[in-house]
Amino acid sequence: MFKFLNRTQRPEPEVLAKWGRNEPCWCGSGKKYKHCHMPKDFPKK
């Protein structure tokens, strides 16, 4: 669905808001986004 970005490049916030929880993570780790960078991008309050 989304093309992988350069691993050092963090997507813009509006792109992250549309990133699906079950999509592969943007960093290219092979993990699902919800288990990789989602907790770091959207910390619990």
PDB file of N, CA and C in Angstrom:
ATOM      1  N   MET A   1       0.825  -1.192   0.000  1.00  0.00           N
ATOM      2  CA  MET A   1       0.000   0.000   0.000  1.00  0.00           C
ATOM      3  C   MET A   1       0.864   1.248   0.000  1.00  0.00           C
ATOM      4  N   PHE A   2       1.785   1.360   0.931  1.00  0.00           N
ATOM      5  CA  PHE A   2       2.677   2.504   0.983  1.00  0.00           C
ATOM      6  C   PHE A   2       4.062   2.060   0.552  1.00  0.00           C
ATOM      7  N   LYS A   3       4.774   2.926  -0.143  1.00  0.00           N
ATOM      8  CA  LYS A   3       6.129   2.548  -0.516  1.00  0.00           C
ATOM      9  C   LYS A   3       7.055   2.759   0.677  1.00  0.00           C
ATOM     10  N   PHE A   4       8.059   1.927   0.779  1.00  0.00           N
ATOM     11  CA  PHE A   4       8.986   2.054   1.885  1.00  0.00           C
ATOM     12  C   PHE A   4       9.829   3.300   1.707  1.00  0.00           C
ATOM     13  N   LEU A   5      10.100   3.956   2.799  1.00  0.00           N
ATOM     14  CA  LEU A   5      10.900   5.164   2.799  1.00  0.00           C
ATOM     15  C   LEU A   5      12.333   4.813   3.146  1.00  0.00           C
ATOM     16  N   ASN A   6      13.207   5.758   2.952  1.00  0.00           N
ATOM     17  CA  ASN A   6      14.573   5.591   3.412  1.00  0.00           C
ATOM     18  C   ASN A   6      14.515   5.334   4.917  1.00  0.00           C
ATOM     19  N   ARG A   7      15.232   4.377   5.415  1.00  0.00           N
ATOM     20  CA  ARG A   7      15.115   3.981   6.815  1.00  0.00           C
ATOM     21  C   ARG A   7      15.446   5.103   7.790  1.00  0.00           C
ATOM     22  N   THR A   8      16.202   6.079   7.377  1.00  0.00           N
ATOM     23  CA  THR A   8      16.540   7.194   8.262  1.00  0.00           C
ATOM     24  C   THR A   8      15.523   8.325   8.141  1.00  0.00           C
ATOM     25  N   GLN A   9      14.616   8.226   7.208  1.00  0.00           N
ATOM     26  CA  GLN A   9      13.647   9.288   6.959  1.00  0.00           C
ATOM     27  C   GLN A   9      12.316   8.944   7.622  1.00  0.00           C
ATOM     28  N   ARG A  10      11.883   9.776   8.554  1.00  0.00           N
ATOM     29  CA  ARG A  10      10.604   9.564   9.244  1.00  0.00           C
ATOM     30  C   ARG A  10       9.509  10.228   8.420  1.00  0.00           C
ATOM     31  N   PRO A  11       8.386   9.553   8.205  1.00  0.00           N
ATOM     32  CA  PRO A  11       7.294  10.141   7.434  1.00  0.00           C
ATOM     33  C   PRO A  11       6.702  11.366   8.123  1.00  0.00           C
ATOM     34  N   GLU A  12       6.069  12.203   7.340  1.00  0.00           N
ATOM     35  CA  GLU A  12       5.395  13.382   7.878  1.00  0.00           C
ATOM     36  C   GLU A  12       4.229  12.939   8.763  1.00  0.00           C
ATOM     37  N   PRO A  13       3.822  13.766   9.735  1.00  0.00           N
ATOM     38  CA  PRO A  13       2.722  13.383  10.643  1.00  0.00           C
ATOM     39  C   PRO A  13       1.413  13.045   9.933  1.00  0.00           C
ATOM     40  N   GLU A  14       1.093  13.754   8.849  1.00  0.00           N
ATOM     41  CA  GLU A  14      -0.154  13.450   8.145  1.00  0.00           C
ATOM     42  C   GLU A  14      -0.083  12.097   7.450  1.00  0.00           C
ATOM     43  N   VAL A  15       1.106  11.667   7.056  1.00  0.00           N
ATOM     44  CA  VAL A  15       1.282  10.340   6.460  1.00  0.00           C
ATOM     45  C   VAL A  15       1.162   9.274   7.548  1.00  0.00           C
ATOM     46  N   LEU A  16       1.739   9.535   8.719  1.00  0.00           N
ATOM     47  CA  LEU A  16       1.662   8.582   9.821  1.00  0.00           C
ATOM     48  C   LEU A  16       0.225   8.384  10.282  1.00  0.00           C
ATOM     49  N   ALA A  17      -0.568   9.438  10.258  1.00  0.00           N
ATOM     50  CA  ALA A  17      -1.961   9.335  10.686  1.00  0.00           C
ATOM     51  C   ALA A  17      -2.745   8.389   9.780  1.00  0.00           C
ATOM     52  N   LYS A  18      -2.348   8.266   8.516  1.00  0.00           N
ATOM     53  CA  LYS A  18      -3.033   7.405   7.560  1.00  0.00           C
ATOM     54  C   LYS A  18      -2.398   6.018   7.467  1.00  0.00           C
ATOM     55  N   TRP A  19      -1.257   5.840   8.125  1.00  0.00           N
ATOM     56  CA  TRP A  19      -0.547   4.566   8.056  1.00  0.00           C
ATOM     57  C   TRP A  19      -1.354   3.514   8.801  1.00  0.00           C
ATOM     58  N   GLY A  20      -1.654   2.413   8.165  1.00  0.00           N
ATOM     59  CA  GLY A  20      -2.454   1.361   8.790  1.00  0.00           C
ATOM     60  C   GLY A  20      -1.678   0.610   9.855  1.00  0.00           C
ATOM     61  N   ARG A  21      -2.361   0.240  10.921  1.00  0.00           N
ATOM     62  CA  ARG A  21      -1.721  -0.501  12.014  1.00  0.00           C
ATOM     63  C   ARG A  21      -1.111  -1.802  11.529  1.00  0.00           C
ATOM     64  N   ASN A  22      -1.752  -2.447  10.566  1.00  0.00           N
ATOM     65  CA  ASN A  22      -1.304  -3.760  10.108  1.00  0.00           C
ATOM     66  C   ASN A  22      -0.426  -3.697   8.867  1.00  0.00           C
ATOM     67  N   GLU A  23      -0.065  -2.505   8.439  1.00  0.00           N
ATOM     68  CA  GLU A  23       0.858  -2.346   7.307  1.00  0.00           C
ATOM     69  C   GLU A  23       2.283  -2.637   7.789  1.00  0.00           C
ATOM     70  N   PRO A  24       3.172  -3.024   6.898  1.00  0.00           N
ATOM     71  CA  PRO A  24       4.577  -3.149   7.289  1.00  0.00           C
ATOM     72  C   PRO A  24       5.109  -1.790   7.747  1.00  0.00           C
ATOM     73  N   CYS A  25       5.982  -1.799   8.711  1.00  0.00           N
ATOM     74  CA  CYS A  25       6.514  -0.550   9.257  1.00  0.00           C
ATOM     75  C   CYS A  25       7.304   0.211   8.201  1.00  0.00           C
ATOM     76  N   TRP A  26       7.270   1.537   8.316  1.00  0.00           N
ATOM     77  CA  TRP A  26       7.944   2.392   7.343  1.00  0.00           C
ATOM     78  C   TRP A  26       9.460   2.263   7.417  1.00  0.00           C
ATOM     79  N   CYS A  27       9.988   1.731   8.521  1.00  0.00           N
ATOM     80  CA  CYS A  27      11.442   1.638   8.671  1.00  0.00           C
ATOM     81  C   CYS A  27      12.050   0.470   7.916  1.00  0.00           C
ATOM     82  N   GLY A  28      11.190  -0.462   7.448  1.00  0.00           N
ATOM     83  CA  GLY A  28      11.702  -1.591   6.683  1.00  0.00           C
ATOM     84  C   GLY A  28      12.156  -2.759   7.535  1.00  0.00           C
ATOM     85  N   SER A  29      11.757  -2.795   8.803  1.00  0.00           N
ATOM     86  CA  SER A  29      12.189  -3.868   9.696  1.00  0.00           C
ATOM     87  C   SER A  29      11.511  -5.203   9.400  1.00  0.00           C
ATOM     88  N   GLY A  30      10.385  -5.152   8.693  1.00  0.00           N
ATOM     89  CA  GLY A  30       9.626  -6.363   8.425  1.00  0.00           C
ATOM     90  C   GLY A  30       8.533  -6.611   9.449  1.00  0.00           C
ATOM     91  N   LYS A  31       8.529  -5.834  10.524  1.00  0.00           N
ATOM     92  CA  LYS A  31       7.487  -5.952  11.540  1.00  0.00           C
ATOM     93  C   LYS A  31       6.279  -5.125  11.127  1.00  0.00           C
ATOM     94  N   LYS A  32       5.132  -5.455  11.713  1.00  0.00           N
ATOM     95  CA  LYS A  32       3.963  -4.619  11.493  1.00  0.00           C
ATOM     96  C   LYS A  32       4.195  -3.293  12.218  1.00  0.00           C
ATOM     97  N   TYR A  33       3.608  -2.241  11.655  1.00  0.00           N
ATOM     98  CA  TYR A  33       3.764  -0.905  12.221  1.00  0.00           C
ATOM     99  C   TYR A  33       3.333  -0.860  13.680  1.00  0.00           C
ATOM    100  N   LYS A  34       2.250  -1.572  14.036  1.00  0.00           N
ATOM    101  CA  LYS A  34       1.735  -1.514  15.407  1.00  0.00           C
ATOM    102  C   LYS A  34       2.708  -2.103  16.421  1.00  0.00           C
ATOM    103  N   HIS A  35       3.622  -2.973  15.981  1.00  0.00           N
ATOM    104  CA  HIS A  35       4.582  -3.580  16.895  1.00  0.00           C
ATOM    105  C   HIS A  35       5.963  -2.942  16.796  1.00  0.00           C
ATOM    106  N   CYS A  36       6.142  -2.022  15.881  1.00  0.00           N
ATOM    107  CA  CYS A  36       7.471  -1.444  15.675  1.00  0.00           C
ATOM    108  C   CYS A  36       7.504   0.029  16.100  1.00  0.00           C
ATOM    109  N   HIS A  37       7.051   0.938  15.254  1.00  0.00           N
ATOM    110  CA  HIS A  37       7.161   2.366  15.538  1.00  0.00           C
ATOM    111  C   HIS A  37       5.880   3.044  16.000  1.00  0.00           C
ATOM    112  N   MET A  38       4.745   2.382  15.923  1.00  0.00           N
ATOM    113  CA  MET A  38       3.498   3.036  16.341  1.00  0.00           C
ATOM    114  C   MET A  38       3.547   3.514  17.796  1.00  0.00           C
ATOM    115  N   PRO A  39       4.043   2.694  18.744  1.00  0.00           N
ATOM    116  CA  PRO A  39       4.120   3.194  20.130  1.00  0.00           C
ATOM    117  C   PRO A  39       5.028   4.416  20.279  1.00  0.00           C
ATOM    118  N   LYS A  40       6.057   4.526  19.443  1.00  0.00           N
ATOM    119  CA  LYS A  40       6.972   5.673  19.513  1.00  0.00           C
ATOM    120  C   LYS A  40       6.370   6.891  18.829  1.00  0.00           C
ATOM    121  N   ASP A  41       5.601   6.675  17.739  1.00  0.00           N
ATOM    122  CA  ASP A  41       5.012   7.780  17.008  1.00  0.00           C
ATOM    123  C   ASP A  41       3.799   8.366  17.724  1.00  0.00           C
ATOM    124  N   PHE A  42       3.056   7.516  18.448  1.00  0.00           N
ATOM    125  CA  PHE A  42       1.855   7.942  19.160  1.00  0.00           C
ATOM    126  C   PHE A  42       1.907   7.427  20.590  1.00  0.00           C
ATOM    127  N   PRO A  43       2.730   8.069  21.451  1.00  0.00           N
ATOM    128  CA  PRO A  43       2.829   7.588  22.836  1.00  0.00           C
ATOM    129  C   PRO A  43       1.514   7.769  23.584  1.00  0.00           C
ATOM    130  N   LYS A  44       1.262   6.861  24.527  1.00  0.00           N
ATOM    131  CA  LYS A  44       0.054   6.975  25.353  1.00  0.00           C
ATOM    132  C   LYS A  44       0.213   8.147  26.308  1.00  0.00           C
ATOM    133  N   LYS A  45      -0.873   8.785  26.595  1.00  0.00           N
ATOM    134  CA  LYS A  45      -0.817   9.966  27.481  1.00  0.00           C
ATOM    135  C   LYS A  45      -0.960   9.571  28.926  1.00  0.00           C
TER     136      LYS A  45
END
